[in-house]
Amino acid sequence: VGACRHKMRIMALAGLASESSSGEVPYDAVQQTLGVGEGEVERWIVGAIGAGVLEGRMDQMRRVLEGSRTVCRAFSPGDWPEVALRLDAFQNNLRKASAHMGAASLAA
């Protein structure tokens, strides 16, 4: 139960950051969304960044999370064309890397 609750809070934090139009999330909103104490907010932000579901930084003076990128929890129908483009680009990069590795092994 503890591990599941931990993952849900991490994903809830990512969702909260993705919903912010300014990219800024006040610590109070993090505290309320996660249901944690004031002293735990920064630990959860660091945990989300460490888990790779969120990129950003903490502004401790202003008490806000400045999110720069988040992982989507779910895709809407309008998101799928962008997902397809990114997957195609990834696949092309893998092909190029494989070709370079093959050429390097033949030269060696």
C-alpha atoms as a PDB file:
ATOM      1  CA  VAL A   1       0.000   0.000   0.000  1.00  0.00           C
ATOM      2  CA  GLY A   2       2.839   2.412   0.864  1.00  0.00           C
ATOM      3  CA  ALA A   3       4.640   1.986  -2.467  1.00  0.00           C
ATOM      4  CA  CYS A   4       1.392   2.434  -4.382  1.00  0.00           C
ATOM      5  CA  ARG A   5       0.529   5.603  -2.437  1.00  0.00           C
ATOM      6  CA  HIS A   6       4.035   6.919  -3.086  1.00  0.00           C
ATOM      7  CA  LYS A   7       3.707   6.383  -6.871  1.00  0.00           C
ATOM      8  CA  MET A   8       0.262   7.953  -6.923  1.00  0.00           C
ATOM      9  CA  ARG A   9       1.555  11.059  -5.162  1.00  0.00           C
ATOM     10  CA  ILE A  10       4.479  11.347  -7.582  1.00  0.00           C
ATOM     11  CA  MET A  11       2.106  11.078 -10.551  1.00  0.00           C
ATOM     12  CA  ALA A  12      -0.349  13.506  -8.934  1.00  0.00           C
ATOM     13  CA  LEU A  13       2.471  16.037  -8.610  1.00  0.00           C
ATOM     14  CA  ALA A  14       3.381  15.562 -12.290  1.00  0.00           C
ATOM     15  CA  GLY A  15      -0.268  16.026 -13.214  1.00  0.00           C
ATOM     16  CA  LEU A  16      -0.513  19.173 -11.125  1.00  0.00           C
ATOM     17  CA  ALA A  17       2.566  20.634 -12.828  1.00  0.00           C
ATOM     18  CA  SER A  18       1.296  19.733 -16.303  1.00  0.00           C
ATOM     19  CA  GLU A  19      -2.004  21.534 -15.662  1.00  0.00           C
ATOM     20  CA  SER A  20      -0.281  24.818 -14.806  1.00  0.00           C
ATOM     21  CA  SER A  21      -0.395  27.218 -17.748  1.00  0.00           C
ATOM     22  CA  SER A  22       2.459  29.296 -16.315  1.00  0.00           C
ATOM     23  CA  GLY A  23       4.581  26.286 -15.380  1.00  0.00           C
ATOM     24  CA  GLU A  24       4.575  27.454 -11.760  1.00  0.00           C
ATOM     25  CA  VAL A  25       2.929  25.524  -8.967  1.00  0.00           C
ATOM     26  CA  PRO A  26       2.712  27.070  -5.486  1.00  0.00           C
ATOM     27  CA  TYR A  27       3.938  24.888  -2.644  1.00  0.00           C
ATOM     28  CA  ASP A  28       0.488  25.267  -1.027  1.00  0.00           C
ATOM     29  CA  ALA A  29      -1.112  23.573  -4.062  1.00  0.00           C
ATOM     30  CA  VAL A  30       1.410  20.725  -3.877  1.00  0.00           C
ATOM     31  CA  GLN A  31       0.718  20.311  -0.167  1.00  0.00           C
ATOM     32  CA  GLN A  32      -3.037  20.257  -0.670  1.00  0.00           C
ATOM     33  CA  THR A  33      -2.977  17.941  -3.708  1.00  0.00           C
ATOM     34  CA  LEU A  34      -0.658  15.408  -2.108  1.00  0.00           C
ATOM     35  CA  GLY A  35      -2.144  15.661   1.363  1.00  0.00           C
ATOM     36  CA  VAL A  36       1.255  16.132   2.985  1.00  0.00           C
ATOM     37  CA  GLY A  37       2.693  18.476   5.570  1.00  0.00           C
ATOM     38  CA  GLU A  38       4.341  21.771   4.673  1.00  0.00           C
ATOM     39  CA  GLY A  39       7.775  20.390   5.483  1.00  0.00           C
ATOM     40  CA  GLU A  40       7.362  17.477   3.056  1.00  0.00           C
ATOM     41  CA  VAL A  41       6.622  19.467  -0.117  1.00  0.00           C
ATOM     42  CA  GLU A  42      10.224  19.889  -1.268  1.00  0.00           C
ATOM     43  CA  ARG A  43      10.991  16.220  -0.609  1.00  0.00           C
ATOM     44  CA  TRP A  44       8.126  15.223  -2.920  1.00  0.00           C
ATOM     45  CA  ILE A  45       9.268  17.645  -5.623  1.00  0.00           C
ATOM     46  CA  VAL A  46      12.794  16.219  -5.455  1.00  0.00           C
ATOM     47  CA  GLY A  47      11.308  12.711  -5.582  1.00  0.00           C
ATOM     48  CA  ALA A  48       9.279  13.511  -8.708  1.00  0.00           C
ATOM     49  CA  ILE A  49      12.320  15.010 -10.403  1.00  0.00           C
ATOM     50  CA  GLY A  50      14.409  11.994  -9.403  1.00  0.00           C
ATOM     51  CA  ALA A  51      11.738   9.628 -10.733  1.00  0.00           C
ATOM     52  CA  GLY A  52      11.961  11.365 -14.107  1.00  0.00           C
ATOM     53  CA  VAL A  53       8.315  12.404 -14.287  1.00  0.00           C
ATOM     54  CA  LEU A  54       9.068  16.079 -13.808  1.00  0.00           C
ATOM     55  CA  GLU A  55      11.805  18.526 -14.763  1.00  0.00           C
ATOM     56  CA  GLY A  56      12.065  21.862 -13.066  1.00  0.00           C
ATOM     57  CA  ARG A  57      13.433  23.671 -10.075  1.00  0.00           C
ATOM     58  CA  MET A  58      12.254  24.914  -6.729  1.00  0.00           C
ATOM     59  CA  ASP A  59      12.134  28.617  -5.961  1.00  0.00           C
ATOM     60  CA  GLN A  60      12.320  28.466  -2.187  1.00  0.00           C
ATOM     61  CA  MET A  61      12.004  32.219  -1.719  1.00  0.00           C
ATOM     62  CA  ARG A  62       8.729  32.398  -3.656  1.00  0.00           C
ATOM     63  CA  ARG A  63       7.666  28.900  -2.528  1.00  0.00           C
ATOM     64  CA  VAL A  64       6.851  27.672  -6.041  1.00  0.00           C
ATOM     65  CA  LEU A  65       7.822  24.786  -8.260  1.00  0.00           C
ATOM     66  CA  GLU A  66       8.927  26.043 -11.677  1.00  0.00           C
ATOM     67  CA  GLY A  67       8.170  23.075 -13.901  1.00  0.00           C
ATOM     68  CA  SER A  68       9.743  22.902 -17.344  1.00  0.00           C
ATOM     69  CA  ARG A  69       8.585  19.432 -18.470  1.00  0.00           C
ATOM     70  CA  THR A  70       6.319  16.696 -17.209  1.00  0.00           C
ATOM     71  CA  VAL A  71       5.414  13.179 -18.237  1.00  0.00           C
ATOM     72  CA  CYS A  72       1.835  12.774 -19.435  1.00  0.00           C
ATOM     73  CA  ARG A  73      -0.351  10.476 -17.383  1.00  0.00           C
ATOM     74  CA  ALA A  74      -2.773   9.897 -20.251  1.00  0.00           C
ATOM     75  CA  PHE A  75      -3.056  10.867 -23.900  1.00  0.00           C
ATOM     76  CA  SER A  76      -6.072  12.549 -25.421  1.00  0.00           C
ATOM     77  CA  PRO A  77      -7.005  11.808 -29.049  1.00  0.00           C
ATOM     78  CA  GLY A  78      -5.339  15.071 -30.126  1.00  0.00           C
ATOM     79  CA  ASP A  79      -2.025  14.006 -28.560  1.00  0.00           C
ATOM     80  CA  TRP A  80      -1.536  10.897 -30.697  1.00  0.00           C
ATOM     81  CA  PRO A  81      -0.203  12.635 -33.839  1.00  0.00           C
ATOM     82  CA  GLU A  82       2.561  14.225 -31.726  1.00  0.00           C
ATOM     83  CA  VAL A  83       3.323  10.871 -30.094  1.00  0.00           C
ATOM     84  CA  ALA A  84       3.573   9.267 -33.542  1.00  0.00           C
ATOM     85  CA  LEU A  85       5.969  11.976 -34.757  1.00  0.00           C
ATOM     86  CA  ARG A  86       8.211  11.560 -31.729  1.00  0.00           C
ATOM     87  CA  LEU A  87       8.233   7.776 -32.050  1.00  0.00           C
ATOM     88  CA  ASP A  88       9.125   8.052 -35.751  1.00  0.00           C
ATOM     89  CA  ALA A  89      11.998  10.413 -34.923  1.00  0.00           C
ATOM     90  CA  PHE A  90      13.187   8.038 -32.203  1.00  0.00           C
ATOM     91  CA  GLN A  91      13.049   5.084 -34.589  1.00  0.00           C
ATOM     92  CA  ASN A  92      15.033   7.020 -37.231  1.00  0.00           C
ATOM     93  CA  ASN A  93      17.668   7.929 -34.630  1.00  0.00           C
ATOM     94  CA  LEU A  94      17.979   4.270 -33.644  1.00  0.00           C
ATOM     95  CA  ARG A  95      18.456   3.287 -37.300  1.00  0.00           C
ATOM     96  CA  LYS A  96      21.197   5.911 -37.736  1.00  0.00           C
ATOM     97  CA  ALA A  97      22.967   4.819 -34.569  1.00  0.00           C
ATOM     98  CA  SER A  98      22.805   1.179 -35.644  1.00  0.00           C
ATOM     99  CA  ALA A  99      24.205   2.048 -39.079  1.00  0.00           C
ATOM    100  CA  HIS A 100      27.075   4.025 -37.513  1.00  0.00           C
ATOM    101  CA  MET A 101      27.867   1.189 -35.126  1.00  0.00           C
ATOM    102  CA  GLY A 102      27.819  -1.304 -37.979  1.00  0.00           C
ATOM    103  CA  ALA A 103      30.150   0.866 -40.069  1.00  0.00           C
ATOM    104  CA  ALA A 104      32.504   1.321 -37.121  1.00  0.00           C
ATOM    105  CA  SER A 105      32.689  -2.427 -36.468  1.00  0.00           C
ATOM    106  CA  LEU A 106      33.462  -3.114 -40.147  1.00  0.00           C
ATOM    107  CA  ALA A 107      36.256  -0.523 -40.099  1.00  0.00           C
ATOM    108  CA  ALA A 108      37.820  -2.058 -36.996  1.00  0.00           C
END
